[in-house]
Protein backbone atom coordinates (compact mmCIF):
# COMPACT_ATOMS: atom_id res chain seq x y z
CA MET A 1 -57.60 64.46 -37.21
CA GLU A 2 -54.21 65.24 -36.31
CA GLN A 3 -51.48 65.30 -38.37
CA ILE A 4 -48.06 64.49 -37.42
CA ASN A 5 -44.59 65.02 -39.39
CA ALA A 6 -45.92 67.43 -41.31
CA LYS A 7 -42.42 68.14 -43.13
CA ARG A 8 -40.89 64.67 -43.36
CA PRO A 9 -41.56 62.40 -45.88
CA MET A 10 -43.75 60.06 -43.76
CA GLN A 11 -47.52 62.07 -42.99
CA ALA A 12 -49.14 60.31 -40.14
CA PHE A 13 -52.67 61.33 -40.10
CA ILE A 14 -54.23 59.93 -36.01
CA ASN A 15 -57.82 59.38 -34.55
CA PRO A 16 -58.22 58.29 -31.04
CA PRO A 17 -59.93 55.48 -31.14
CA THR A 18 -63.09 55.08 -29.74
CA PRO A 19 -64.78 53.00 -27.23
CA SER A 20 -65.67 48.99 -28.10
CA ALA A 21 -63.59 50.17 -31.22
CA GLY A 22 -62.54 46.52 -31.59
CA ASP A 23 -59.17 45.05 -31.26
CA PRO A 24 -56.80 47.11 -32.95
CA VAL A 25 -55.21 46.41 -35.48
CA LEU A 26 -52.23 47.50 -38.00
CA ARG A 27 -52.49 46.91 -42.35
CA ILE A 28 -50.80 47.77 -44.58
CA CYS A 29 -50.39 48.14 -48.61
CA THR A 30 -47.97 44.58 -49.95
CA ASN A 31 -50.08 45.61 -53.24
CA ASP A 32 -47.02 44.69 -56.49
CA ARG A 33 -49.66 45.05 -59.30
CA ASP A 34 -50.49 47.45 -61.01
CA GLU A 35 -52.15 46.30 -64.90
CA MET A 36 -50.88 50.19 -65.90
CA GLY A 37 -47.24 50.89 -64.83
CA GLY A 38 -48.09 53.44 -62.27
CA PRO A 39 -47.24 53.17 -58.85
CA VAL A 40 -48.14 51.07 -56.14
CA CYS A 41 -46.88 50.37 -52.49
CA GLY A 42 -45.75 46.75 -52.32
CA LYS A 43 -42.72 48.00 -54.72
CA ARG A 44 -42.35 51.02 -52.79
CA GLY A 45 -41.72 49.14 -48.95
CA GLY A 46 -44.25 48.42 -48.05
CA ALA A 47 -43.75 43.87 -47.92
CA GLU A 48 -40.48 45.13 -46.53
CA ILE A 49 -42.05 47.55 -43.87
CA LYS A 50 -44.49 44.73 -42.76
CA VAL A 51 -40.86 42.51 -41.91
CA GLU A 52 -40.03 45.10 -39.79
CA LEU A 53 -42.90 46.28 -38.01
CA GLU A 54 -43.59 42.40 -36.75
CA LYS A 55 -40.32 42.01 -35.27
CA GLY A 56 -40.91 45.23 -33.72
CA ILE A 57 -44.04 44.66 -32.74
CA GLU A 58 -42.31 41.14 -31.15
CA GLU A 59 -39.56 42.52 -29.59
CA ARG A 60 -41.74 45.03 -27.38
CA GLY A 61 -44.66 43.31 -26.57
CA ILE A 62 -47.69 45.70 -28.74
CA ASP A 63 -50.29 44.25 -27.84
CA ILE A 64 -51.61 44.88 -32.30
CA THR A 65 -52.67 42.63 -34.17
CA ILE A 66 -50.49 43.40 -38.28
CA SER A 67 -52.28 42.32 -41.59
CA THR A 68 -51.96 43.31 -45.34
CA ILE A 69 -54.73 44.63 -47.38
CA ASN A 70 -54.24 45.07 -50.93
CA CYS A 71 -54.99 47.86 -51.71
CA MET A 72 -56.60 50.47 -50.69
CA GLY A 73 -56.11 53.00 -52.38
CA TYR A 74 -53.26 55.99 -52.49
CA CYS A 75 -51.46 54.68 -54.54
CA SER A 76 -49.34 57.64 -55.44
CA ARG A 77 -49.10 58.22 -51.60
CA GLY A 78 -47.80 54.51 -50.45
CA PRO A 79 -46.40 52.25 -48.44
CA ALA A 80 -50.24 53.34 -47.27
CA LEU A 81 -50.59 51.84 -43.66
CA MET A 82 -54.12 52.42 -41.42
CA LEU A 83 -54.57 51.71 -38.37
CA ASP A 84 -57.61 51.10 -36.23
CA PRO A 85 -59.06 51.59 -34.76
CA GLY A 86 -60.22 55.41 -35.12
CA THR A 87 -58.92 54.88 -39.24
CA SER A 88 -55.82 56.86 -38.54
CA PHE A 89 -53.47 56.14 -41.71
CA ILE A 90 -50.07 57.17 -42.55
CA PHE A 91 -48.88 57.48 -45.83
CA GLN A 92 -44.79 57.96 -48.09
CA ALA A 93 -43.84 55.24 -44.71
CA GLY A 94 -39.66 53.95 -45.79
CA PRO A 95 -37.63 51.69 -43.65
CA GLU A 96 -36.47 54.68 -41.15
CA ASP A 97 -39.44 55.33 -40.29
CA VAL A 98 -40.51 51.55 -37.82
CA PRO A 99 -39.55 53.12 -34.72
CA GLU A 100 -41.43 56.39 -35.86
CA ILE A 101 -45.32 53.98 -36.59
CA LEU A 102 -43.69 51.33 -33.68
CA ASP A 103 -44.31 54.54 -31.28
CA ILE A 104 -47.65 55.15 -33.20
CA ALA A 105 -48.93 51.40 -32.50
CA GLU A 106 -47.74 51.54 -29.56
CA LYS A 107 -49.90 54.16 -28.11
CA LEU A 108 -53.12 53.03 -30.25
CA ALA A 109 -52.64 49.84 -28.66
CA ALA A 110 -52.49 50.92 -24.77
CA ASP A 111 -55.23 54.06 -25.69
CA THR A 112 -57.34 51.49 -26.95
CA LYS A 113 -57.14 48.44 -23.63
CA ALA A 114 -57.64 51.99 -21.37
CA LEU A 115 -60.99 52.72 -23.65
CA ASP A 116 -62.19 49.33 -22.23
CA PRO A 117 -64.43 47.91 -19.39
């Protein structure tokens, strides 16, 4: 697994897609409830990042599905995103990271398409 941007707040751990692993999906945690009062992705900007990602995906014409997930268990490292196929993760994302996340999503979509016969 390759770590990208270790010196920046955002951390991306990107795995290559595998053949026949399905269509590319970008999942973002938007959980905004934590009964214990701890950090949660939705309250750290997850929902806002999702809106910006949706705009960017449409503008760029990226062939990837974006969906929300209620919790991935990485609350202290959120907002958390997961990209499939390949089970890659992005942690501590912020609105300023959206262009880079879109670059990663675009590459994943292209790499996944290249694997399909």
